[in-house]
Amino acid sequence: MVRATRYASAVVTTRYRCEACGNLTRFDVTVTRRVQAFYHYSLGGDLEVEDPEVLDETVEAVSCRWCGNGGRVVEVPGAAEPASGAPAPGADAVTPPP
């Protein structure tokens, strides 16, 4: 059994838009990653992947989940957030009134 490993710090955070149908939320993205990780096997033979480090990542294809179009999907400039979940640089923070 292999436990799922999350690549939160290395996932591409590019936002996309389908120019054919206007979709901003659902895309099939094919990505190739080269990852170095620590494999920890239990005495029972179960594998737990720890400390993954993405060495290289390439987006090979992006297609719209709604209309299936892959040729009309574009990147939305300035819409990506850092993978850490922190606001994008220059994003306005809402401050509650005193």
Protein backbone atom coordinates (compact mmCIF):
# COMPACT_ATOMS: atom_id res chain seq x y z
CA MET A 1 0.00 0.00 0.00
CA VAL A 2 1.31 3.45 -0.92
CA ARG A 3 0.02 6.43 1.02
CA ALA A 4 -0.97 9.44 -1.02
CA THR A 5 1.61 12.17 -1.04
CA ARG A 6 0.66 15.80 -1.54
CA TYR A 7 2.91 18.12 -3.50
CA ALA A 8 1.40 21.29 -2.07
CA SER A 9 4.54 23.35 -2.36
CA ALA A 10 5.30 22.30 -5.89
CA VAL A 11 1.99 22.20 -7.70
CA VAL A 12 1.67 24.61 -10.59
CA THR A 13 -0.64 27.42 -9.49
CA THR A 14 -1.35 28.87 -12.91
CA ARG A 15 -4.98 29.84 -13.52
CA TYR A 16 -6.53 28.99 -16.87
CA ARG A 17 -9.48 30.21 -18.96
CA CYS A 18 -11.15 28.51 -21.90
CA GLU A 19 -11.73 31.06 -24.64
CA ALA A 20 -14.21 28.71 -26.33
CA CYS A 21 -16.76 28.46 -23.47
CA GLY A 22 -15.53 30.85 -20.75
CA ASN A 23 -14.74 28.15 -18.18
CA LEU A 24 -12.45 29.31 -15.35
CA THR A 25 -12.72 26.36 -12.96
CA ARG A 26 -12.41 22.89 -14.55
CA PHE A 27 -9.44 21.73 -16.61
CA ASP A 28 -7.66 18.47 -17.36
CA VAL A 29 -3.96 19.19 -16.88
CA THR A 30 -1.24 16.71 -17.88
CA VAL A 31 1.94 17.32 -15.87
CA THR A 32 5.26 15.48 -15.77
CA ARG A 33 7.20 15.78 -12.51
CA ARG A 34 10.64 14.53 -11.57
CA VAL A 35 10.59 14.05 -7.79
CA GLN A 36 13.15 13.04 -5.19
CA ALA A 37 11.61 11.59 -2.01
CA PHE A 38 12.36 9.48 1.05
CA TYR A 39 10.68 6.05 0.86
CA HIS A 40 9.86 4.65 4.30
CA TYR A 41 8.76 1.00 4.33
CA SER A 42 7.11 -0.43 7.45
CA LEU A 43 8.06 -3.88 8.67
CA GLY A 44 4.79 -5.04 7.10
CA GLY A 45 5.90 -3.73 3.70
CA ASP A 46 3.65 -0.65 3.54
CA LEU A 47 5.24 2.32 1.82
CA GLU A 48 5.01 5.90 3.04
CA VAL A 49 6.54 8.56 0.78
CA GLU A 50 8.03 11.41 2.82
CA ASP A 51 9.74 14.73 2.08
CA PRO A 52 9.04 14.92 -1.66
CA GLU A 53 11.08 17.53 -3.51
CA VAL A 54 10.08 18.41 -7.06
CA LEU A 55 13.22 18.70 -9.17
CA ASP A 56 11.50 19.44 -12.47
CA GLU A 57 7.91 20.01 -13.56
CA THR A 58 6.50 20.42 -17.06
CA VAL A 59 2.88 21.11 -18.04
CA GLU A 60 2.36 19.07 -21.19
CA ALA A 61 -1.30 19.73 -21.99
CA VAL A 62 -4.33 21.62 -20.68
CA SER A 63 -7.86 21.02 -21.94
CA CYS A 64 -11.24 22.34 -20.85
CA ARG A 65 -13.32 19.85 -18.87
CA TRP A 66 -16.57 21.52 -19.95
CA CYS A 67 -16.21 21.67 -23.73
CA GLY A 68 -13.14 19.46 -24.27
CA ASN A 69 -11.27 22.15 -26.17
CA GLY A 70 -7.51 22.09 -25.66
CA GLY A 71 -6.51 24.60 -28.29
CA ARG A 72 -8.39 27.58 -26.82
CA VAL A 73 -7.20 27.35 -23.19
CA VAL A 74 -5.05 30.29 -22.12
CA GLU A 75 -3.28 31.28 -18.92
CA VAL A 76 -4.96 34.03 -16.92
CA PRO A 77 -2.21 36.62 -16.30
CA GLY A 78 -1.67 37.67 -12.70
CA ALA A 79 -4.33 35.33 -11.31
CA ALA A 80 -2.09 32.67 -9.79
CA GLU A 81 -1.53 32.40 -6.04
CA PRO A 82 1.62 31.03 -4.48
CA ALA A 83 1.32 27.32 -3.66
CA SER A 84 1.71 28.09 0.05
CA GLY A 85 -1.79 29.57 0.06
CA ALA A 86 -0.49 33.05 0.85
CA PRO A 87 -2.06 35.91 -1.08
CA ALA A 88 -0.47 36.76 -4.39
CA PRO A 89 1.94 39.69 -4.31
CA GLY A 90 0.01 42.95 -4.53
CA ALA A 91 -3.26 41.35 -3.42
CA ASP A 92 -5.33 43.69 -1.30
CA ALA A 93 -6.06 42.45 2.19
CA VAL A 94 -9.41 43.28 3.73
CA THR A 95 -8.98 44.87 7.15
CA PRO A 96 -12.00 44.94 9.43
CA PRO A 97 -12.96 48.37 10.78
CA PRO A 98 -11.72 49.18 14.34
